[in-house]
Structure formats: structure tokens, C-alpha cells
């Protein structure tokens, strides 16, 4: 998707998937609906984890590019640990 539509549009699509998954979780009528919504959110997290660091690396100045990508990856890791 990134190569075909660009990173910015792909990130916007991932945001829409996050919103749809969150709303589906909030209004899930039963456990199966909640599980399917969580799968949808899992795809959004996976897409964001792959797409956003590339986008940040493309936009960041060369002097701080590595630090910005590292901070993003660190924030993802810490968020996963806290959520667990």
C-alpha cells in the first residue's frame, strides 16, 4: 500500500481502520464480535508499526533521523509492555 498510494495516504487509511476497530469494540454485541474487532485492531497496529517509522525517517532531518525512529519504536515497545 505504501508503494502504491504513498505513506501519508496509507497512514490515513490505517487511522480509519483504528477508528473502525475501536468503534466496533465499543459496540460489540458479544464476545465473537469483540474478538473480530480486536483482530481488525491488530491489523491496524501491524500496519502502523511498519508504515510510520518509514514515514518518520523520510521526513526527519538526517542529523536526528535515527533518534526519532528509535523513539517511535521504543514507544511502541513500552506501550505493548504496559498493555500486557
C-alpha atoms as a PDB file:
ATOM      1  CA  UNK A   1       0.000   0.000   0.000  1.00  0.00           C
ATOM      2  CA  UNK A   2       2.841   2.385   0.821  1.00  0.00           C
ATOM      3  CA  UNK A   3       4.453   1.965  -2.555  1.00  0.00           C
ATOM      4  CA  UNK A   4       1.200   2.265  -4.448  1.00  0.00           C
ATOM      5  CA  UNK A   5      -0.604   5.052  -2.590  1.00  0.00           C
ATOM      6  CA  UNK A   6       2.183   6.719  -0.630  1.00  0.00           C
ATOM      7  CA  UNK A   7       2.975   6.637   3.062  1.00  0.00           C
ATOM      8  CA  UNK A   8       0.752   9.563   4.046  1.00  0.00           C
ATOM      9  CA  UNK A   9      -2.398   8.104   2.476  1.00  0.00           C
ATOM     10  CA  UNK A  10      -1.593   4.688   3.900  1.00  0.00           C
ATOM     11  CA  UNK A  11      -1.292   6.185   7.389  1.00  0.00           C
ATOM     12  CA  UNK A  12      -4.673   7.879   6.922  1.00  0.00           C
ATOM     13  CA  UNK A  13      -6.152   4.520   5.904  1.00  0.00           C
ATOM     14  CA  UNK A  14      -4.631   2.897   8.988  1.00  0.00           C
ATOM     15  CA  UNK A  15      -6.179   5.664  11.121  1.00  0.00           C
ATOM     16  CA  UNK A  16      -9.572   4.849   9.622  1.00  0.00           C
ATOM     17  CA  UNK A  17      -9.048   1.167  10.459  1.00  0.00           C
ATOM     18  CA  UNK A  18      -8.153   2.153  14.045  1.00  0.00           C
ATOM     19  CA  UNK A  19     -11.357   4.186  14.326  1.00  0.00           C
ATOM     20  CA  UNK A  20     -13.489   1.432  12.824  1.00  0.00           C
ATOM     21  CA  UNK A  21     -11.922  -1.200  15.073  1.00  0.00           C
ATOM     22  CA  UNK A  22     -12.328   0.932  18.185  1.00  0.00           C
ATOM     23  CA  UNK A  23     -15.970   1.666  17.459  1.00  0.00           C
ATOM     24  CA  UNK A  24     -16.594  -1.985  16.689  1.00  0.00           C
ATOM     25  CA  UNK A  25     -15.004  -2.941  20.025  1.00  0.00           C
ATOM     26  CA  UNK A  26     -17.088  -0.375  21.868  1.00  0.00           C
ATOM     27  CA  UNK A  27     -20.362  -1.570  20.391  1.00  0.00           C
ATOM     28  CA  UNK A  28     -19.636  -5.304  20.082  1.00  0.00           C
ATOM     29  CA  UNK A  29     -22.801  -7.235  20.929  1.00  0.00           C
ATOM     30  CA  UNK A  30     -20.995 -10.392  22.049  1.00  0.00           C
ATOM     31  CA  UNK A  31     -17.585 -11.966  22.616  1.00  0.00           C
ATOM     32  CA  UNK A  32     -17.207 -13.093  18.994  1.00  0.00           C
ATOM     33  CA  UNK A  33     -17.799  -9.563  17.718  1.00  0.00           C
ATOM     34  CA  UNK A  34     -15.274  -8.241  20.197  1.00  0.00           C
ATOM     35  CA  UNK A  35     -12.711 -10.834  19.106  1.00  0.00           C
ATOM     36  CA  UNK A  36     -13.190  -9.923  15.440  1.00  0.00           C
ATOM     37  CA  UNK A  37     -12.838  -6.242  16.256  1.00  0.00           C
ATOM     38  CA  UNK A  38      -9.609  -6.991  18.122  1.00  0.00           C
ATOM     39  CA  UNK A  39      -8.293  -8.796  15.030  1.00  0.00           C
ATOM     40  CA  UNK A  40      -9.104  -5.689  12.986  1.00  0.00           C
ATOM     41  CA  UNK A  41      -7.225  -3.560  15.509  1.00  0.00           C
ATOM     42  CA  UNK A  42      -4.312  -5.980  15.308  1.00  0.00           C
ATOM     43  CA  UNK A  43      -4.062  -5.357  11.572  1.00  0.00           C
ATOM     44  CA  UNK A  44      -4.083  -1.613  12.233  1.00  0.00           C
ATOM     45  CA  UNK A  45      -1.304  -1.897  14.826  1.00  0.00           C
ATOM     46  CA  UNK A  46       0.773  -4.043  12.472  1.00  0.00           C
ATOM     47  CA  UNK A  47       0.294  -1.594   9.621  1.00  0.00           C
ATOM     48  CA  UNK A  48       1.188   1.384  11.790  1.00  0.00           C
ATOM     49  CA  UNK A  49       4.262  -0.357  13.160  1.00  0.00           C
ATOM     50  CA  UNK A  50       5.538  -0.918   9.627  1.00  0.00           C
ATOM     51  CA  UNK A  51       4.469   2.320   7.946  1.00  0.00           C
ATOM     52  CA  UNK A  52       5.017   5.122  10.457  1.00  0.00           C
ATOM     53  CA  UNK A  53       8.762   4.564  11.063  1.00  0.00           C
ATOM     54  CA  UNK A  54       9.397   4.755   7.310  1.00  0.00           C
ATOM     55  CA  UNK A  55       7.373   7.957   7.084  1.00  0.00           C
ATOM     56  CA  UNK A  56       9.205   9.481  10.057  1.00  0.00           C
ATOM     57  CA  UNK A  57      12.575   8.508   8.556  1.00  0.00           C
ATOM     58  CA  UNK A  58      11.671  10.152   5.258  1.00  0.00           C
ATOM     59  CA  UNK A  59      10.590  13.423   6.866  1.00  0.00           C
ATOM     60  CA  UNK A  60      13.209  13.743   9.609  1.00  0.00           C
ATOM     61  CA  UNK A  61      16.423  15.707   9.120  1.00  0.00           C
ATOM     62  CA  UNK A  62      19.417  13.437   8.666  1.00  0.00           C
ATOM     63  CA  UNK A  63      21.023  14.521  11.938  1.00  0.00           C
ATOM     64  CA  UNK A  64      18.155  13.252  14.130  1.00  0.00           C
ATOM     65  CA  UNK A  65      16.572  10.595  11.898  1.00  0.00           C
ATOM     66  CA  UNK A  66      17.816   7.613  13.877  1.00  0.00           C
ATOM     67  CA  UNK A  67      16.758   9.079  17.213  1.00  0.00           C
ATOM     68  CA  UNK A  68      13.240   9.811  16.008  1.00  0.00           C
ATOM     69  CA  UNK A  69      12.732   6.313  14.621  1.00  0.00           C
ATOM     70  CA  UNK A  70      14.230   4.815  17.784  1.00  0.00           C
ATOM     71  CA  UNK A  71      11.865   6.879  19.964  1.00  0.00           C
ATOM     72  CA  UNK A  72       8.884   5.667  17.950  1.00  0.00           C
ATOM     73  CA  UNK A  73       9.937   2.021  18.234  1.00  0.00           C
ATOM     74  CA  UNK A  74      10.646   2.465  21.944  1.00  0.00           C
ATOM     75  CA  UNK A  75       7.210   3.996  22.486  1.00  0.00           C
ATOM     76  CA  UNK A  76       5.589   1.032  20.711  1.00  0.00           C
ATOM     77  CA  UNK A  77       7.537  -1.441  22.854  1.00  0.00           C
ATOM     78  CA  UNK A  78       6.748   0.362  26.108  1.00  0.00           C
ATOM     79  CA  UNK A  79       3.082   0.602  25.147  1.00  0.00           C
ATOM     80  CA  UNK A  80       2.920  -3.131  24.487  1.00  0.00           C
ATOM     81  CA  UNK A  81       4.577  -3.899  27.822  1.00  0.00           C
ATOM     82  CA  UNK A  82       2.216  -1.580  29.708  1.00  0.00           C
ATOM     83  CA  UNK A  83      -0.819  -3.030  27.924  1.00  0.00           C
ATOM     84  CA  UNK A  84       0.266  -6.534  28.807  1.00  0.00           C
END
